[in-house]
Amino acid sequence: MTQSFNAQGLGLNRRELLIAAGGIAAASLSGPAFAQAAKRGGTLRMSNGGDPPDFDVIQSATYLTQMACAPCYSTLLRIDPTDYSKLLPDLASKFEVSSDGKTVTFTLREGVQFHNGAILTSDDVVYSLDRIRKPPTGLVSPRKGLLGNIVSVEAADAKTVVVKLAQPQPDFPFLVSNPFNVIYCKAVAAPLDASGQGMKRTVVGTGPFKLSQAIDGQLYEYVRFDKYFGEAPYLEKIQSFPIKDEIARAVALQGKNIDACFFFANESVLTMLRKTPGITQLRRPTPTFVNLIPNIRLKPFDDPRVREALSLAIDRDSFIKTVGPLSGAFFHSLGLLLPDSPHSLTADEMKSFPGYDTIPGLGGNLAANREKAIALLAQAGVPKDFKIVMPTRADIPAFRDASINIAAQLKTVGLDVAVDVRDAGTFYELENHGQFQLIAHSVAVSGALPDQIFGEGYTSFGGRNYGGWKDDSIDDLFRQQSREIDPAKRNELLRQFQLAFLKTNYQINLAWVGYAAAYANNVKGWNALPDLYANMQQDKVWLDG
């Protein structure tokens, strides 16, 4: 028996996914309600904080690319713009999950056009999903782990895509709906991929807007796509200005030179905006964690004692107090999931892991931790003043200022750490090719489900395994919890996964980030979700005057 939802105003949430055999139940959903009628026309002027390193959303790991391209693309299913725990149809008008939970069948909408006039077919979907889970030679896919449970993707006919899974996975519809998992036009992408270039300077999607201008350092402009398959967007045009400096972005907003900025980190900038009449500002915890990542492929970081020493050296309470106001890294959690997750570990469990007793409120002994770290480094044969270079991104405080803070903390245990500040594109080149010793990476994922966070960030096969570790026992625990339907049994497996991973120090947790947005009060129809990447298509946004 199969169950499904269709495009007639129906949505589903994650509770409705967690039923026997992974079947899907339908739930009615009404769209967002506005106190006044939406107005059509006008140009939204915005800034997201800088130039995207390129336009290849599937290859990208940065919000700069995703937010720059979100208005131009669609996904199979779409995160509900009013509630990120729910899904809505997008390119797929409906989908069905088989009774054994191992086959997911998507039915595509009729007559969907790409911006170049090509008609969407199942071949485009097959190519795009395969590009994510097994990227062509020379390309990268940071989220390949999200689709790692897929055995095959096939086109049953022009409008039907059949996905075979290795095991049932109730979270799968949310994973395929990640806002980075956009659908490309195969006729455009395949030749570019074969050349090794990919979609780095090409944007051809099915989204509500199409890119009309791209002048790096100056302007990215989008015009309404009149053949968009969904409800016509209200705006006529979007102009995005790559203003890198947060203060400059805030001043532009205060001076009414832009209408919105959906990315702020610095608390002092928000304090300034809070005092400005006519501006709405907010900060919300987002599924973004800052971790210290050692390169396991390089000595001495292949030694568990060295990785334990790194964790022992870090004062997490000091990190949050120092880096938090600059970057939004204010939050801590007990385990690998979001603060206050129902799957959090206990305080006693967290204190059992070296260094994590310095999480605020756990009362750790920092001096004793650092003495032990020095001893472990000596046992591992790491000489005093061992030199480490940490590359980091210049544009994001959760990278740059986190790296500076961690470098200073590691010097307290005798490591000579230098921070190498790079532009975003160069940083990701170094990271993706394993050309680093240590990095402090702000990993932003889409959604808060365990499969979304663990699959992308904490598996050997995950696209965020920048440290290059391999651990079959960790991967097996992930797969066990992923397929488990019984909530109590899954909760125990989630606990076991976190306990097992934290012992390894493959990644060393520092803090969770809460990013902010600010916009003029005449900007209507945009809802700030905890998911940083969701609801950035701008098709529901309108201007009141």
Protein backbone atom coordinates (compact mmCIF):
# COMPACT_ATOMS: atom_id res chain seq x y z
CA MET A 1 0.00 0.00 0.00
CA THR A 2 1.28 3.46 -0.85
CA GLN A 3 0.30 6.86 0.42
CA SER A 4 1.01 10.24 -1.12
CA PHE A 5 0.33 13.96 -1.20
CA ASN A 6 -0.40 16.08 -4.24
CA ALA A 7 -0.06 19.67 -5.35
CA GLN A 8 -3.54 20.78 -4.35
CA GLY A 9 -2.56 22.72 -1.26
CA LEU A 10 -1.37 19.73 0.71
CA GLY A 11 1.69 19.54 2.90
CA LEU A 12 3.22 17.06 5.30
CA ASN A 13 5.40 17.30 8.34
CA ARG A 14 8.08 15.04 9.73
CA ARG A 15 5.76 13.36 12.24
CA GLU A 16 3.61 12.21 9.35
CA LEU A 17 6.69 10.76 7.69
CA LEU A 18 7.52 8.60 10.69
CA ILE A 19 4.84 5.98 10.20
CA ALA A 20 5.14 2.28 9.57
CA ALA A 21 7.17 1.27 6.51
CA GLY A 22 8.03 4.88 5.78
CA GLY A 23 4.69 5.58 4.06
CA ILE A 24 3.50 9.15 3.61
CA ALA A 25 0.32 10.70 4.96
CA ALA A 26 -1.27 13.86 3.60
CA ALA A 27 -2.08 16.90 5.70
CA SER A 28 -4.03 19.96 4.63
CA LEU A 29 -2.23 23.27 4.69
CA SER A 30 -3.30 26.78 3.93
CA GLY A 31 -0.93 29.37 2.55
CA PRO A 32 0.39 32.38 4.49
CA ALA A 33 -2.23 34.94 5.38
CA PHE A 34 -1.59 38.65 5.03
CA ALA A 35 -3.42 41.47 6.78
CA GLN A 36 -3.73 43.33 3.48
CA ALA A 37 -3.83 42.42 -0.18
CA ALA A 38 -0.43 41.85 -1.73
CA LYS A 39 0.66 44.35 -4.37
CA ARG A 40 2.34 43.48 -7.63
CA GLY A 41 5.33 45.21 -9.17
CA GLY A 42 8.38 46.97 -7.87
CA THR A 43 12.04 46.09 -7.34
CA LEU A 44 13.37 44.55 -4.16
CA ARG A 45 16.85 45.91 -3.41
CA MET A 46 18.79 43.63 -1.13
CA SER A 47 22.23 42.44 -0.07
CA ASN A 48 23.37 39.08 1.21
CA GLY A 49 26.89 40.12 2.03
CA GLY A 50 29.19 39.55 -0.91
CA ASP A 51 29.86 38.01 -4.30
CA PRO A 52 29.10 34.32 -4.70
CA PRO A 53 32.32 32.44 -5.54
CA ASP A 54 30.35 30.91 -8.44
CA PHE A 55 26.78 29.98 -9.41
CA ASP A 56 26.97 26.18 -9.14
CA VAL A 57 24.51 25.59 -6.31
CA ILE A 58 25.01 21.83 -6.21
CA GLN A 59 28.79 22.19 -5.87
CA SER A 60 28.52 25.03 -3.38
CA ALA A 61 28.90 24.98 0.39
CA THR A 62 28.22 28.69 0.93
CA TYR A 63 25.11 30.74 1.46
CA LEU A 64 26.55 33.32 -0.94
CA THR A 65 25.88 31.00 -3.88
CA GLN A 66 22.65 29.47 -2.61
CA MET A 67 20.97 32.78 -1.79
CA ALA A 68 22.20 34.35 -5.03
CA CYS A 69 20.65 31.53 -7.06
CA ALA A 70 17.59 30.58 -4.99
CA PRO A 71 15.17 32.82 -6.95
CA CYS A 72 16.23 31.06 -10.17
CA TYR A 73 15.81 27.41 -9.20
CA SER A 74 13.32 24.87 -7.95
CA THR A 75 13.59 21.59 -6.06
CA LEU A 76 11.42 18.48 -6.29
CA LEU A 77 9.68 19.38 -3.04
CA ARG A 78 9.76 22.71 -1.27
CA ILE A 79 10.07 23.61 2.39
CA ASP A 80 6.88 25.32 3.52
CA PRO A 81 7.68 29.07 3.76
CA THR A 82 5.60 29.30 6.94
CA ASP A 83 6.88 26.16 8.70
CA TYR A 84 10.18 24.46 7.95
CA SER A 85 8.99 21.19 9.49
CA LYS A 86 6.63 20.78 6.53
CA LEU A 87 7.00 20.15 2.81
CA LEU A 88 5.02 21.36 -0.18
CA PRO A 89 5.05 20.24 -3.82
CA ASP A 90 7.43 22.07 -6.12
CA LEU A 91 8.57 20.47 -9.39
CA ALA A 92 6.91 17.24 -8.26
CA SER A 93 3.13 17.43 -8.16
CA LYS A 94 3.05 14.33 -5.96
CA PHE A 95 5.19 11.52 -4.65
CA GLU A 96 4.53 8.08 -3.30
CA VAL A 97 6.49 5.84 -0.96
CA SER A 98 6.14 2.07 -1.28
CA SER A 99 4.91 -0.07 1.60
CA ASP A 100 8.45 -1.30 2.32
CA GLY A 101 9.74 2.28 2.34
CA LYS A 102 12.45 1.55 -0.24
CA THR A 103 10.93 3.03 -3.41
CA VAL A 104 9.96 6.68 -3.80
CA THR A 105 8.14 7.70 -6.97
CA PHE A 106 7.91 11.34 -7.98
CA THR A 107 5.37 12.59 -10.54
CA LEU A 108 6.48 15.82 -12.19
CA ARG A 109 4.25 18.74 -13.06
CA GLU A 110 3.24 19.11 -16.69
CA GLY A 111 4.69 21.83 -18.88
CA VAL A 112 7.35 23.22 -16.55
CA GLN A 113 9.79 25.39 -18.51
CA PHE A 114 13.41 26.20 -17.87
CA HIS A 115 14.51 29.78 -18.40
CA ASN A 116 15.97 28.79 -21.79
CA GLY A 117 12.58 27.46 -22.97
CA ALA A 118 13.38 23.75 -22.53
CA ILE A 119 10.63 21.62 -20.98
CA LEU A 120 11.43 19.83 -17.72
CA THR A 121 11.52 16.03 -18.02
CA SER A 122 12.48 13.20 -15.72
CA ASP A 123 15.90 13.08 -17.42
CA ASP A 124 16.71 16.48 -15.88
CA VAL A 125 15.77 15.21 -12.43
CA VAL A 126 17.73 11.98 -12.80
CA TYR A 127 20.80 13.89 -13.97
CA SER A 128 20.57 16.41 -11.12
CA LEU A 129 20.08 13.86 -8.34
CA ASP A 130 22.88 11.70 -9.69
CA ARG A 131 25.09 14.80 -9.91
CA ILE A 132 24.51 15.39 -6.20
CA ARG A 133 25.09 11.83 -4.99
CA LYS A 134 27.96 10.89 -7.32
CA PRO A 135 29.41 14.07 -8.87
CA PRO A 136 31.20 13.88 -12.23
CA THR A 137 34.99 13.81 -12.26
CA GLY A 138 36.44 17.15 -11.21
CA LEU A 139 33.27 18.31 -9.46
CA VAL A 140 32.44 18.27 -5.75
CA SER A 141 29.17 17.69 -3.91
CA PRO A 142 29.09 18.83 -0.27
CA ARG A 143 25.68 17.20 0.27
CA LYS A 144 26.30 13.85 -1.42
CA GLY A 145 25.90 12.17 1.97
CA LEU A 146 22.30 13.38 2.17
CA LEU A 147 21.46 11.17 -0.81
CA GLY A 148 23.86 8.39 0.14
CA ASN A 149 21.00 5.96 0.74
CA ILE A 150 19.99 6.06 -2.92
CA VAL A 151 20.71 2.90 -4.91
CA SER A 152 19.39 4.19 -8.22
CA VAL A 153 17.44 7.01 -9.83
CA GLU A 154 15.54 6.12 -13.00
CA ALA A 155 13.14 7.78 -15.41
CA ALA A 156 10.10 5.53 -15.73
CA ASP A 157 8.72 7.93 -18.33
CA ALA A 158 9.04 11.62 -19.17
CA LYS A 159 7.15 12.69 -16.04
CA THR A 160 7.95 9.91 -13.56
CA VAL A 161 11.13 9.47 -11.52
CA VAL A 162 11.66 6.33 -9.46
CA VAL A 163 14.20 6.41 -6.64
CA LYS A 164 15.35 3.12 -5.11
CA LEU A 165 16.72 3.29 -1.57
CA ALA A 166 19.04 0.83 0.11
CA GLN A 167 16.88 0.96 3.24
CA PRO A 168 13.74 2.75 4.40
CA GLN A 169 14.45 6.37 5.27
CA PRO A 170 11.53 8.38 6.65
CA ASP A 171 13.53 11.62 6.43
CA PHE A 172 14.33 11.16 2.72
CA PRO A 173 11.70 13.58 1.34
CA PHE A 174 13.27 16.34 3.46
CA LEU A 175 16.76 15.44 2.27
CA VAL A 176 15.84 15.68 -1.40
CA SER A 177 14.17 19.01 -0.62
CA ASN A 178 17.35 20.64 0.66
CA PRO A 179 17.40 24.11 -0.96
CA PHE A 180 20.84 23.33 -2.44
CA ASN A 181 19.47 20.23 -4.20
CA VAL A 182 18.14 22.17 -7.18
CA ILE A 183 17.20 20.68 -10.52
CA TYR A 184 19.38 21.60 -13.50
CA CYS A 185 18.61 21.40 -17.20
CA LYS A 186 20.58 18.35 -18.33
CA ALA A 187 21.10 19.72 -21.85
CA VAL A 188 22.87 22.73 -20.31
CA ALA A 189 24.69 21.13 -17.39
CA ALA A 190 25.97 17.90 -18.95
CA PRO A 191 28.32 19.49 -21.53
CA LEU A 192 29.64 21.95 -18.95
CA ASP A 193 30.21 19.12 -16.47
CA ALA A 194 32.01 17.07 -19.11
CA SER A 195 34.38 20.00 -19.63
CA GLY A 196 35.09 20.11 -15.89
CA GLN A 197 33.62 23.59 -15.57
CA GLY A 198 30.19 22.81 -14.24
CA MET A 199 27.54 25.48 -13.78
CA LYS A 200 29.93 27.99 -12.24
CA ARG A 201 28.95 30.88 -14.51
CA THR A 202 25.68 29.57 -15.92
CA VAL A 203 22.23 29.88 -14.34
CA VAL A 204 19.36 28.11 -16.12
CA GLY A 205 16.59 27.06 -13.76
CA THR A 206 12.82 26.83 -13.48
CA GLY A 207 12.45 29.33 -10.62
CA PRO A 208 10.25 32.42 -10.32
CA PHE A 209 13.05 34.77 -11.43
CA LYS A 210 15.81 34.55 -14.00
CA LEU A 211 19.23 36.13 -13.77
CA SER A 212 19.47 39.13 -16.11
CA GLN A 213 22.76 40.70 -14.98
CA ALA A 214 25.77 39.49 -13.01
CA ILE A 215 28.45 42.12 -12.46
CA ASP A 216 30.76 40.84 -9.74
CA GLY A 217 31.40 43.41 -7.07
CA GLN A 218 28.49 45.56 -8.20
CA LEU A 219 25.14 43.99 -8.96
CA TYR A 220 23.18 40.77 -9.48
CA GLU A 221 19.82 41.44 -11.07
CA TYR A 222 16.84 39.13 -11.55
CA VAL A 223 13.64 39.68 -13.56
CA ARG A 224 10.34 37.93 -13.12
CA PHE A 225 10.05 34.72 -15.16
CA ASP A 226 6.66 35.06 -16.83
CA LYS A 227 6.44 31.33 -17.60
CA TYR A 228 7.06 30.21 -14.02
CA PHE A 229 4.99 27.12 -13.25
CA GLY A 230 3.80 28.38 -9.86
CA GLU A 231 1.84 31.42 -8.79
CA ALA A 232 3.37 34.46 -10.45
CA PRO A 233 5.80 36.27 -8.15
CA TYR A 234 4.69 39.70 -6.97
CA LEU A 235 7.96 41.51 -7.62
CA GLU A 236 8.94 42.68 -11.07
CA LYS A 237 12.64 42.61 -10.32
CA ILE A 238 15.26 41.87 -7.63
CA GLN A 239 18.56 43.70 -7.36
CA SER A 240 21.20 42.22 -5.05
CA PHE A 241 24.23 44.30 -4.11
CA PRO A 242 27.32 42.45 -2.81
CA ILE A 243 28.10 44.66 0.19
CA LYS A 244 30.71 42.70 2.12
CA ASP A 245 31.02 44.80 5.27
CA GLU A 246 28.21 44.32 7.81
CA ILE A 247 28.31 47.91 9.00
CA ALA A 248 28.12 49.14 5.40
CA ARG A 249 25.12 46.86 4.81
CA ALA A 250 23.41 48.22 7.91
CA VAL A 251 24.10 51.81 6.86
CA ALA A 252 22.68 51.08 3.39
CA LEU A 253 19.53 49.70 5.03
CA GLN A 254 19.24 52.66 7.39
CA GLY A 255 19.73 55.06 4.49
CA LYS A 256 17.03 53.30 2.44
CA ASN A 257 19.52 52.40 -0.28
CA ILE A 258 18.52 48.76 0.12
CA ASP A 259 15.29 47.24 1.41
CA ALA A 260 16.57 44.06 3.03
CA CYS A 261 19.53 42.01 4.13
CA PHE A 262 18.87 38.43 5.12
CA PHE A 263 22.31 37.80 6.61
CA PHE A 264 23.76 39.59 9.63
CA ALA A 265 26.01 38.11 12.31
CA ASN A 266 27.50 40.93 14.38
CA GLU A 267 25.49 41.81 17.50
CA SER A 268 26.67 45.43 17.60
CA VAL A 269 25.29 45.93 14.08
CA LEU A 270 21.93 44.52 15.14
CA THR A 271 21.91 46.78 18.19
CA MET A 272 22.28 49.74 15.84
CA LEU A 273 19.43 48.50 13.63
CA ARG A 274 17.14 47.91 16.61
CA LYS A 275 17.25 51.65 17.27
CA THR A 276 16.27 52.54 13.72
CA PRO A 277 12.55 53.23 13.14
CA GLY A 278 10.93 51.42 10.23
CA ILE A 279 13.23 48.39 10.28
CA THR A 280 12.42 44.86 11.41
CA GLN A 281 15.40 42.88 12.69
CA LEU A 282 15.60 39.44 14.21
CA ARG A 283 18.07 36.77 15.21
CA ARG A 284 17.10 33.11 15.27
CA PRO A 285 19.09 29.96 16.03
CA THR A 286 19.87 28.26 12.75
CA PRO A 287 21.08 24.72 11.96
CA THR A 288 24.65 26.03 11.78
CA PHE A 289 27.46 24.66 13.91
CA VAL A 290 31.06 25.85 14.24
CA ASN A 291 33.47 22.90 14.50
CA LEU A 292 37.22 22.52 14.60
CA ILE A 293 38.13 19.97 11.91
CA PRO A 294 41.53 18.26 11.89
CA ASN A 295 42.78 16.74 8.64
CA ILE A 296 42.97 13.05 9.54
CA ARG A 297 45.00 12.38 6.38
CA LEU A 298 47.94 14.35 7.78
CA LYS A 299 50.17 13.67 10.75
CA PRO A 300 49.91 14.26 13.63
CA PHE A 301 46.11 14.58 13.35
CA ASP A 302 45.69 10.90 12.54
CA ASP A 303 46.65 10.25 16.18
CA PRO A 304 43.60 10.16 18.51
CA ARG A 305 45.73 11.62 21.32
CA VAL A 306 46.41 14.74 19.28
CA ARG A 307 42.75 15.24 18.46
CA GLU A 308 41.84 14.75 22.13
CA ALA A 309 44.44 17.37 23.05
CA LEU A 310 42.85 19.84 20.64
CA SER A 311 39.50 19.39 22.35
CA LEU A 312 41.01 19.67 25.84
CA ALA A 313 42.71 22.94 24.92
CA ILE A 314 39.47 24.74 24.08
CA ASP A 315 37.50 26.80 26.57
CA ARG A 316 34.05 26.62 25.00
CA ASP A 317 32.55 29.08 27.46
CA SER A 318 35.19 31.66 26.52
CA PHE A 319 34.68 30.90 22.83
CA ILE A 320 30.97 31.70 23.03
CA LYS A 321 31.52 34.88 25.06
CA THR A 322 34.26 36.13 22.73
CA VAL A 323 33.21 34.96 19.28
CA GLY A 324 29.46 35.02 19.86
CA PRO A 325 28.93 38.80 19.66
CA LEU A 326 30.98 38.96 16.46
CA SER A 327 29.56 35.93 14.67
CA GLY A 328 26.26 34.94 16.27
CA ALA A 329 27.88 31.80 17.77
CA PHE A 330 26.02 32.24 21.06
CA PHE A 331 24.49 28.82 21.50
CA HIS A 332 25.72 25.50 22.85
CA SER A 333 24.13 22.07 22.86
CA LEU A 334 24.52 18.78 24.66
CA GLY A 335 25.46 16.55 21.75
CA LEU A 336 25.54 16.97 18.00
CA LEU A 337 22.02 18.27 17.46
CA LEU A 338 20.50 21.71 17.98
CA PRO A 339 20.20 23.22 21.44
CA ASP A 340 17.17 21.84 23.30
CA SER A 341 16.85 18.96 20.85
CA PRO A 342 14.66 16.11 22.16
CA HIS A 343 17.66 13.90 21.36
CA SER A 344 20.16 15.85 23.49
CA LEU A 345 22.61 13.99 25.69
CA THR A 346 22.77 14.54 29.44
CA ALA A 347 25.18 16.93 31.10
CA ASP A 348 27.02 13.99 32.69
CA GLU A 349 27.39 12.31 29.30
CA MET A 350 28.85 15.47 27.79
CA LYS A 351 31.29 15.95 30.68
CA SER A 352 32.69 12.48 29.99
CA PHE A 353 34.23 13.73 26.73
CA PRO A 354 37.59 15.52 27.08
CA GLY A 355 37.18 19.28 26.93
CA TYR A 356 33.41 19.40 26.69
CA ASP A 357 33.11 20.12 30.40
CA THR A 358 33.93 23.75 29.47
CA ILE A 359 30.50 24.10 27.86
CA PRO A 360 28.77 26.90 29.83
CA GLY A 361 27.26 25.56 33.03
CA LEU A 362 29.14 22.26 33.17
CA GLY A 363 31.88 23.50 35.53
CA GLY A 364 34.98 22.08 33.87
CA ASN A 365 38.56 22.62 35.02
CA LEU A 366 40.24 24.37 32.11
CA ALA A 367 43.71 24.41 33.68
CA ALA A 368 43.63 20.66 34.29
CA ASN A 369 42.34 20.08 30.77
CA ARG A 370 45.22 22.02 29.25
CA GLU A 371 47.80 20.24 31.39
CA LYS A 372 46.46 16.93 30.10
CA ALA A 373 46.50 18.29 26.52
CA ILE A 374 50.20 19.18 26.85
CA ALA A 375 50.95 15.69 28.17
CA LEU A 376 49.03 14.00 25.33
CA LEU A 377 50.86 16.04 22.69
CA ALA A 378 54.19 15.03 24.24
CA GLN A 379 53.15 11.37 24.29
CA ALA A 380 52.23 11.62 20.62
CA GLY A 381 55.65 13.05 19.79
CA VAL A 382 54.39 16.51 18.81
CA PRO A 383 57.21 18.98 19.45
CA LYS A 384 56.63 22.19 21.37
CA ASP A 385 55.75 25.10 19.08
CA PHE A 386 54.61 22.69 16.35
CA LYS A 387 53.54 24.92 13.48
CA ILE A 388 49.97 24.80 12.18
CA VAL A 389 48.39 26.98 9.50
CA MET A 390 44.60 27.39 9.64
CA PRO A 391 43.06 28.75 6.42
CA THR A 392 39.82 30.64 6.93
CA ARG A 393 37.23 32.72 5.08
CA ALA A 394 37.62 36.48 5.28
CA ASP A 395 33.95 37.37 4.90
CA ILE A 396 32.17 35.38 7.64
CA PRO A 397 32.95 36.02 11.33
CA ALA A 398 31.93 32.46 12.24
CA PHE A 399 34.95 31.39 10.16
CA ARG A 400 37.41 34.25 10.58
CA ASP A 401 36.92 35.23 14.21
CA ALA A 402 36.40 31.63 15.29
CA SER A 403 39.74 30.74 13.70
CA ILE A 404 41.53 33.63 15.39
CA ASN A 405 40.09 32.64 18.77
CA ILE A 406 40.94 28.95 18.38
CA ALA A 407 44.47 29.76 17.22
CA ALA A 408 45.03 31.76 20.41
CA GLN A 409 43.60 28.99 22.59
CA LEU A 410 45.74 26.28 20.98
CA LYS A 411 48.86 28.32 21.68
CA THR A 412 48.20 27.79 25.40
CA VAL A 413 49.15 24.10 24.94
CA GLY A 414 52.28 24.82 22.92
CA LEU A 415 50.99 24.78 19.35
CA ASP A 416 52.19 27.60 17.06
CA VAL A 417 49.03 28.33 15.07
CA ALA A 418 48.80 30.95 12.32
CA VAL A 419 45.53 31.98 10.66
CA ASP A 420 45.64 32.28 6.87
CA VAL A 421 42.75 34.54 5.76
CA ARG A 422 41.49 33.81 2.23
CA ASP A 423 38.56 34.79 0.02
CA ALA A 424 35.67 32.32 0.05
CA GLY A 425 36.51 30.71 -3.30
CA THR A 426 40.15 30.04 -2.42
CA PHE A 427 39.22 28.78 1.03
CA TYR A 428 36.84 26.18 -0.40
CA GLU A 429 39.41 25.09 -2.96
CA LEU A 430 41.88 24.37 -0.15
CA GLU A 431 39.25 22.68 1.99
CA ASN A 432 37.69 20.53 -0.72
CA HIS A 433 41.11 19.25 -1.81
CA GLY A 434 42.31 18.51 1.71
CA GLN A 435 45.03 21.16 1.60
CA PHE A 436 44.90 22.15 5.27
CA GLN A 437 45.96 20.94 8.69
CA LEU A 438 43.14 22.40 10.77
CA ILE A 439 40.08 24.44 9.90
CA ALA A 440 37.35 26.03 11.96
CA HIS A 441 34.34 25.57 9.73
CA SER A 442 30.88 27.03 10.17
CA VAL A 443 28.73 24.25 8.73
CA ALA A 444 25.22 25.44 7.90
CA VAL A 445 22.80 22.67 7.01
CA SER A 446 19.24 22.86 5.79
CA GLY A 447 16.79 21.57 8.36
CA ALA A 448 17.12 20.17 11.86
CA LEU A 449 16.24 16.49 11.40
CA PRO A 450 18.93 14.03 12.53
CA ASP A 451 19.44 12.68 9.00
CA GLN A 452 19.94 16.22 7.71
CA ILE A 453 22.58 17.09 10.30
CA PHE A 454 24.26 13.70 10.72
CA GLY A 455 24.10 12.69 7.06
CA GLU A 456 25.70 15.90 5.84
CA GLY A 457 28.08 16.60 8.69
CA TYR A 458 28.94 13.44 10.59
CA THR A 459 29.35 10.46 8.27
CA SER A 460 32.37 9.18 6.36
CA PHE A 461 30.43 9.47 3.12
CA GLY A 462 28.98 12.90 3.93
CA GLY A 463 29.94 15.83 1.79
CA ARG A 464 31.18 17.77 4.85
CA ASN A 465 33.78 15.15 5.77
CA TYR A 466 36.51 17.67 5.11
CA GLY A 467 38.88 15.87 7.49
CA GLY A 468 38.89 12.72 5.35
CA TRP A 469 38.15 10.21 8.12
CA LYS A 470 36.71 6.75 7.49
CA ASP A 471 34.80 4.86 10.18
CA ASP A 472 32.42 2.04 9.25
CA SER A 473 31.08 1.76 12.81
CA ILE A 474 29.94 5.40 12.78
CA ASP A 475 28.38 5.01 9.34
CA ASP A 476 26.56 1.86 10.43
CA LEU A 477 25.07 3.60 13.46
CA PHE A 478 23.86 6.38 11.18
CA ARG A 479 22.13 3.90 8.90
CA GLN A 480 20.55 2.08 11.83
CA GLN A 481 18.95 5.22 13.26
CA SER A 482 17.99 6.47 9.81
CA ARG A 483 15.81 3.46 9.01
CA GLU A 484 14.33 3.00 12.48
CA ILE A 485 10.60 3.79 12.61
CA ASP A 486 9.95 3.22 16.33
CA PRO A 487 10.54 6.60 18.08
CA ALA A 488 11.91 5.11 21.31
CA LYS A 489 14.31 2.78 19.51
CA ARG A 490 15.43 5.58 17.21
CA ASN A 491 16.05 7.90 20.14
CA GLU A 492 18.38 5.31 21.69
CA LEU A 493 20.21 4.86 18.39
CA LEU A 494 20.61 8.63 18.10
CA ARG A 495 22.10 8.65 21.58
CA GLN A 496 24.50 5.85 20.66
CA PHE A 497 25.53 7.65 17.46
CA GLN A 498 26.37 10.86 19.30
CA LEU A 499 28.28 9.07 22.04
CA ALA A 500 30.29 7.13 19.48
CA PHE A 501 31.11 10.16 17.33
CA LEU A 502 32.11 12.44 20.17
CA LYS A 503 34.72 9.88 21.29
CA THR A 504 36.55 10.18 17.98
CA ASN A 505 37.18 13.95 17.82
CA TYR A 506 36.96 13.71 14.03
CA GLN A 507 35.22 17.05 14.45
CA ILE A 508 35.42 19.08 17.65
CA ASN A 509 32.27 21.01 18.47
CA LEU A 510 32.52 24.65 19.50
CA ALA A 511 29.11 26.37 19.25
CA TRP A 512 25.89 26.82 17.32
CA VAL A 513 25.17 30.02 15.40
CA GLY A 514 22.10 32.22 15.31
CA TYR A 515 22.07 34.37 12.18
CA ALA A 516 20.02 37.50 11.80
CA ALA A 517 18.05 39.32 9.13
CA ALA A 518 16.82 42.89 8.83
CA TYR A 519 14.50 44.59 6.39
CA ALA A 520 12.42 47.71 5.91
CA ASN A 521 8.85 47.44 7.16
CA ASN A 522 7.46 47.90 3.65
CA VAL A 523 8.90 44.49 2.71
CA LYS A 524 6.02 42.06 3.11
CA GLY A 525 5.47 38.34 2.67
CA TRP A 526 8.89 37.09 3.81
CA ASN A 527 9.05 34.77 6.80
CA ALA A 528 12.34 34.14 8.63
CA LEU A 529 12.69 30.41 9.16
CA PRO A 530 15.23 28.77 11.47
CA ASP A 531 16.56 27.13 8.31
CA LEU A 532 18.89 29.79 6.93
CA TYR A 533 18.51 28.59 3.33
CA ALA A 534 14.77 27.98 3.13
CA ASN A 535 12.28 30.49 1.74
CA MET A 536 14.82 32.47 -0.27
CA GLN A 537 13.06 32.23 -3.66
CA GLN A 538 11.41 35.62 -2.95
CA ASP A 539 8.31 34.68 -4.96
CA LYS A 540 5.98 35.53 -2.05
CA VAL A 541 7.66 38.86 -1.24
CA TRP A 542 5.94 42.12 -2.14
CA LEU A 543 6.48 45.80 -1.46
CA ASP A 544 3.95 48.01 0.28
CA GLY A 545 4.84 51.31 -1.35
